[in-house]
Amino acid sequence: AFRSTRLLWRRRGRGRHPCRRVFRQGRMLTAFASPTDAADAVEVEAITPDADCYWLRKVLSPAEQACFFEFIREHDRTDWDNMPPCMNPTPKTLQFARPDDGGPPTAPTLAFDGWMTTVASEAVGRVGEILLRRRLLPLSGLPATAPTSISLAAIRYPSPDGRFPRHVDHCNDGSFVFLFSLGCRARFRVSARDAENVREFELQSGDALVFDPSSAAGIAHEVCGIGEAETCPAGLGERFAELRRFRYGVQCRVRF
């Protein structure tokens, strides 16, 4: 099962150049570097000893972070110019363009089939490959298969006052969350079941957090602060000035 799962994850990204993009049938295809190129350099740490929650440091290169942010911007249809003034300091959930199918023009999520090659699937595939190499996949209770679907949501947090209160997702559909951080540094607190055993750490731009969002796992998490402009990687901030003022939390909910 381990070998077959590894091969399924590795179908994405082999022999491609970072951030080469084409458009085919209205779908953006992207190419990250081969997952094996970066896997050995990524640090992986278990955050909660009794539930699936892993912190992967520097899992995305600066070029790949730029690809991911370009992907977010290309799909973003949030009306940033008409936000209620009193709400501006708070985190904002982005609204993304939807297919022209007669429904609402925007939605807070982008949904993809597992076989589609997108920035989201490349990033998830990178993390999945690394967890496989460390023998941390399959995650608890999941079949040894590649993803069947990925849904992406993004929240923009202002620096330095962005916060998100402690909560458990209570998502019991068998999915896992692959959370990527872009821009300014974010201070996280995470605990599982036992609220007294709280872990605090800082997610840097390019880091990822993978966790079980189910009620049974009980992984409570919160964003308790955003770093100043200097915590955004210099090259990324020079290319995207917005990332020196905000942190983007990009959540991919992955079903297997």
Protein backbone atom coordinates (compact mmCIF):
# COMPACT_ATOMS: atom_id res chain seq x y z
CA ALA A 1 0.00 0.00 0.00
CA PHE A 2 2.84 2.39 0.82
CA ARG A 3 4.48 1.89 -2.59
CA SER A 4 1.23 2.25 -4.56
CA THR A 5 0.26 5.39 -2.65
CA ARG A 6 3.70 6.90 -3.22
CA LEU A 7 3.39 6.33 -6.96
CA LEU A 8 -0.05 7.95 -7.04
CA TRP A 9 1.22 11.04 -5.23
CA ARG A 10 4.30 11.24 -7.47
CA ARG A 11 2.29 11.46 -10.68
CA ARG A 12 2.32 15.21 -10.13
CA GLY A 13 5.35 17.40 -10.73
CA ARG A 14 7.93 15.00 -12.18
CA GLY A 15 10.52 16.65 -14.40
CA ARG A 16 8.84 20.08 -14.45
CA HIS A 17 10.20 23.55 -13.87
CA PRO A 18 8.89 25.61 -10.90
CA CYS A 19 6.01 27.92 -11.81
CA ARG A 20 5.69 27.04 -15.50
CA ARG A 21 2.02 27.54 -16.29
CA VAL A 22 -0.29 26.85 -19.22
CA PHE A 23 -4.04 27.20 -19.60
CA ARG A 24 -5.98 24.26 -20.95
CA GLN A 25 -9.78 24.11 -21.29
CA GLY A 26 -10.13 27.02 -18.89
CA ARG A 27 -8.16 25.29 -16.13
CA MET A 28 -4.85 26.58 -14.89
CA LEU A 29 -2.13 23.95 -14.82
CA THR A 30 1.01 24.60 -12.83
CA ALA A 31 4.29 22.84 -12.30
CA PHE A 32 6.18 22.82 -9.02
CA ALA A 33 9.62 21.32 -8.72
CA SER A 34 9.72 17.56 -8.32
CA PRO A 35 8.61 16.68 -4.75
CA THR A 36 11.72 14.57 -4.24
CA ASP A 37 13.98 17.58 -4.86
CA ALA A 38 12.91 19.29 -1.62
CA ALA A 39 11.64 16.42 0.53
CA ASP A 40 14.83 15.71 2.45
CA ALA A 41 15.39 19.36 3.41
CA VAL A 42 11.94 19.88 4.96
CA GLU A 43 11.65 19.58 8.73
CA VAL A 44 8.53 17.73 9.91
CA GLU A 45 7.35 17.92 13.52
CA ALA A 46 4.40 16.25 15.22
CA ILE A 47 2.54 18.99 17.12
CA THR A 48 0.05 16.82 19.01
CA PRO A 49 1.27 13.43 20.31
CA ASP A 50 -2.16 11.76 20.35
CA ALA A 51 -3.69 13.08 17.10
CA ASP A 52 -2.58 13.71 13.51
CA CYS A 53 -1.14 17.23 13.34
CA TYR A 54 2.16 17.88 11.55
CA TRP A 55 4.13 21.07 10.99
CA LEU A 56 6.27 21.13 7.82
CA ARG A 57 8.83 23.94 7.72
CA LYS A 58 9.79 25.58 4.41
CA VAL A 59 7.86 23.07 2.35
CA LEU A 60 7.36 25.62 -0.46
CA SER A 61 10.27 27.45 -2.05
CA PRO A 62 10.06 31.23 -2.61
CA ALA A 63 9.25 30.63 -6.30
CA GLU A 64 6.48 28.19 -5.38
CA GLN A 65 5.06 30.61 -2.81
CA ALA A 66 4.90 33.22 -5.57
CA CYS A 67 3.09 30.71 -7.83
CA PHE A 68 0.58 29.98 -5.09
CA PHE A 69 -0.10 33.66 -4.42
CA GLU A 70 -0.50 34.40 -8.13
CA PHE A 71 -3.02 31.56 -8.29
CA ILE A 72 -4.98 33.09 -5.37
CA ARG A 73 -4.95 36.56 -6.93
CA GLU A 74 -6.09 35.29 -10.33
CA HIS A 75 -9.18 33.68 -8.78
CA ASP A 76 -9.91 36.35 -6.14
CA ARG A 77 -13.12 38.32 -6.71
CA THR A 78 -13.41 39.84 -3.22
CA ASP A 79 -14.74 43.41 -3.28
CA TRP A 80 -11.89 44.84 -1.22
CA ASP A 81 -12.88 48.44 -1.96
CA ASN A 82 -16.29 48.13 -0.31
CA MET A 83 -15.56 46.44 3.01
CA PRO A 84 -17.39 47.87 6.04
CA PRO A 85 -14.87 50.25 7.69
CA CYS A 86 -15.41 48.85 11.19
CA MET A 87 -14.54 45.36 9.97
CA ASN A 88 -11.33 46.20 8.13
CA PRO A 89 -8.91 45.16 10.93
CA THR A 90 -10.39 41.66 11.09
CA PRO A 91 -9.43 38.63 8.97
CA LYS A 92 -11.35 38.32 5.71
CA THR A 93 -12.39 35.19 3.83
CA LEU A 94 -11.73 35.62 0.12
CA GLN A 95 -14.46 35.17 -2.47
CA PHE A 96 -13.44 33.25 -5.58
CA ALA A 97 -14.83 33.25 -9.10
CA ARG A 98 -17.27 30.42 -9.82
CA PRO A 99 -18.07 28.76 -13.16
CA ASP A 100 -20.79 30.50 -15.16
CA ASP A 101 -23.49 27.92 -14.39
CA GLY A 102 -26.35 30.21 -13.40
CA GLY A 103 -25.42 30.19 -9.70
CA PRO A 104 -23.82 32.94 -7.63
CA PRO A 105 -20.78 34.51 -9.32
CA THR A 106 -18.51 33.96 -6.33
CA ALA A 107 -17.99 31.46 -3.52
CA PRO A 108 -15.59 31.16 -0.55
CA THR A 109 -14.05 27.95 -1.91
CA LEU A 110 -12.50 26.60 -5.09
CA ALA A 111 -13.19 22.91 -5.67
CA PHE A 112 -11.11 20.54 -7.81
CA ASP A 113 -11.24 16.86 -8.64
CA GLY A 114 -8.23 14.99 -7.32
CA TRP A 115 -6.90 14.27 -10.83
CA MET A 116 -6.75 17.94 -11.86
CA THR A 117 -3.30 19.55 -11.86
CA THR A 118 -3.46 22.94 -10.16
CA VAL A 119 -1.29 24.91 -7.77
CA ALA A 120 -3.38 23.45 -4.93
CA SER A 121 -2.87 19.86 -6.04
CA GLU A 122 0.86 20.44 -6.56
CA ALA A 123 1.24 21.89 -3.06
CA VAL A 124 -0.84 19.13 -1.48
CA GLY A 125 1.12 16.56 -3.48
CA ARG A 126 4.41 18.00 -2.23
CA VAL A 127 3.28 17.66 1.39
CA GLY A 128 1.83 14.21 0.79
CA GLU A 129 5.07 13.00 -0.75
CA ILE A 130 7.08 14.25 2.23
CA LEU A 131 4.74 12.62 4.74
CA LEU A 132 4.97 9.40 2.76
CA ARG A 133 8.77 9.50 2.78
CA ARG A 134 8.66 9.95 6.57
CA ARG A 135 6.11 7.11 6.76
CA LEU A 136 3.49 9.42 8.24
CA LEU A 137 0.98 8.58 5.50
CA PRO A 138 -1.60 7.11 5.31
CA LEU A 139 -2.98 9.37 8.04
CA SER A 140 -5.06 7.73 10.73
CA GLY A 141 -8.25 6.21 9.43
CA LEU A 142 -7.61 7.09 5.78
CA PRO A 143 -7.25 4.68 2.87
CA ALA A 144 -3.89 4.40 1.13
CA THR A 145 -4.96 6.32 -1.96
CA ALA A 146 -4.32 9.66 -3.64
CA PRO A 147 -6.82 12.50 -3.07
CA THR A 148 -10.22 12.31 -4.76
CA SER A 149 -11.01 16.01 -4.29
CA ILE A 150 -9.49 19.23 -2.98
CA SER A 151 -11.35 22.36 -1.88
CA LEU A 152 -9.42 25.56 -1.28
CA ALA A 153 -10.32 28.53 0.91
CA ALA A 154 -8.16 31.51 1.88
CA ILE A 155 -8.26 34.01 4.74
CA ARG A 156 -6.34 37.30 4.72
CA TYR A 157 -5.03 38.44 8.12
CA PRO A 158 -3.79 42.02 8.63
CA SER A 159 -0.42 42.63 10.25
CA PRO A 160 -0.03 42.91 13.21
CA ASP A 161 -3.57 42.66 14.60
CA GLY A 162 -4.98 39.65 12.73
CA ARG A 163 -6.50 37.04 15.04
CA PHE A 164 -8.74 33.99 14.73
CA PRO A 165 -10.27 32.54 17.90
CA ARG A 166 -9.65 29.03 19.21
CA HIS A 167 -11.93 26.46 17.56
CA VAL A 168 -12.28 22.85 16.41
CA ASP A 169 -13.41 22.42 12.80
CA HIS A 170 -15.77 19.49 13.56
CA CYS A 171 -15.48 18.37 9.93
CA ASN A 172 -16.43 14.68 9.99
CA ASP A 173 -16.42 13.78 6.30
CA GLY A 174 -13.09 11.93 6.38
CA SER A 175 -11.10 14.86 4.98
CA PHE A 176 -7.80 16.28 6.20
CA VAL A 177 -6.69 19.92 6.22
CA PHE A 178 -3.48 20.99 4.48
CA LEU A 179 -2.92 24.61 5.58
CA PHE A 180 -0.29 26.76 3.86
CA SER A 181 0.98 30.13 5.09
CA LEU A 182 1.99 33.00 2.77
CA GLY A 183 3.30 36.45 3.65
CA CYS A 184 3.88 37.66 7.20
CA ARG A 185 4.60 35.23 10.01
CA ALA A 186 1.64 33.83 11.98
CA ARG A 187 1.65 32.81 15.63
CA PHE A 188 -0.41 29.64 16.18
CA ARG A 189 -1.70 27.79 19.22
CA VAL A 190 -2.76 24.15 18.86
CA SER A 191 -4.05 21.56 21.31
CA ALA A 192 -5.73 18.17 20.94
CA ARG A 193 -8.48 17.08 23.32
CA ASP A 194 -6.56 18.34 26.36
CA ALA A 195 -6.86 22.11 26.45
CA GLU A 196 -4.18 22.26 29.15
CA ASN A 197 -1.51 20.91 26.80
CA VAL A 198 -1.23 23.82 24.35
CA ARG A 199 1.57 24.17 21.81
CA GLU A 200 2.48 27.63 20.50
CA PHE A 201 4.67 28.10 17.43
CA GLU A 202 5.24 30.46 14.49
CA LEU A 203 4.28 29.55 10.93
CA GLN A 204 6.62 31.20 8.45
CA SER A 205 5.75 31.91 4.84
CA GLY A 206 6.08 28.63 2.94
CA ASP A 207 5.30 26.44 5.98
CA ALA A 208 2.38 24.00 6.09
CA LEU A 209 0.27 22.47 8.83
CA VAL A 210 -1.56 19.18 8.22
CA PHE A 211 -4.22 18.06 10.69
CA ASP A 212 -7.30 15.97 11.29
CA PRO A 213 -10.32 18.34 11.48
CA SER A 214 -12.74 15.77 12.95
CA SER A 215 -14.59 16.04 16.23
CA ALA A 216 -12.93 12.82 17.40
CA ALA A 217 -9.43 14.28 16.96
CA GLY A 218 -10.52 17.47 18.73
CA ILE A 219 -7.62 19.55 17.40
CA ALA A 220 -8.27 23.09 18.58
CA HIS A 221 -6.30 25.82 16.84
CA GLU A 222 -6.13 29.59 16.76
CA VAL A 223 -4.20 32.42 15.17
CA CYS A 224 -3.08 34.66 18.00
CA GLY A 225 -0.94 37.19 16.15
CA ILE A 226 0.61 38.24 12.83
CA GLY A 227 4.19 39.41 12.42
CA GLU A 228 5.33 42.80 11.19
CA ALA A 229 6.34 43.52 7.58
CA GLU A 230 9.91 42.31 8.09
CA THR A 231 8.68 38.77 8.80
CA CYS A 232 7.61 38.40 5.15
CA PRO A 233 10.45 36.95 3.03
CA ALA A 234 12.25 39.83 1.33
CA GLY A 235 11.95 38.55 -2.23
CA LEU A 236 8.29 37.73 -1.85
CA GLY A 237 7.54 41.11 -0.28
CA GLU A 238 9.38 42.95 -3.04
CA ARG A 239 7.35 41.15 -5.68
CA PHE A 240 4.01 41.40 -3.83
CA ALA A 241 3.90 44.46 -1.54
CA GLU A 242 0.57 43.22 -0.15
CA LEU A 243 2.32 40.29 1.53
CA ARG A 244 4.30 42.74 3.70
CA ARG A 245 1.00 43.90 5.20
CA PHE A 246 -0.93 40.63 5.41
CA ARG A 247 -0.67 36.93 6.03
CA TYR A 248 -2.69 34.60 3.80
CA GLY A 249 -3.82 31.30 5.29
CA VAL A 250 -4.60 28.98 2.39
CA GLN A 251 -6.58 25.94 3.53
CA CYS A 252 -6.88 22.91 1.28
CA ARG A 253 -9.45 20.42 2.54
CA VAL A 254 -8.42 17.10 1.03
CA ARG A 255 -10.69 14.08 0.65
CA PHE A 256 -9.34 10.61 -0.07
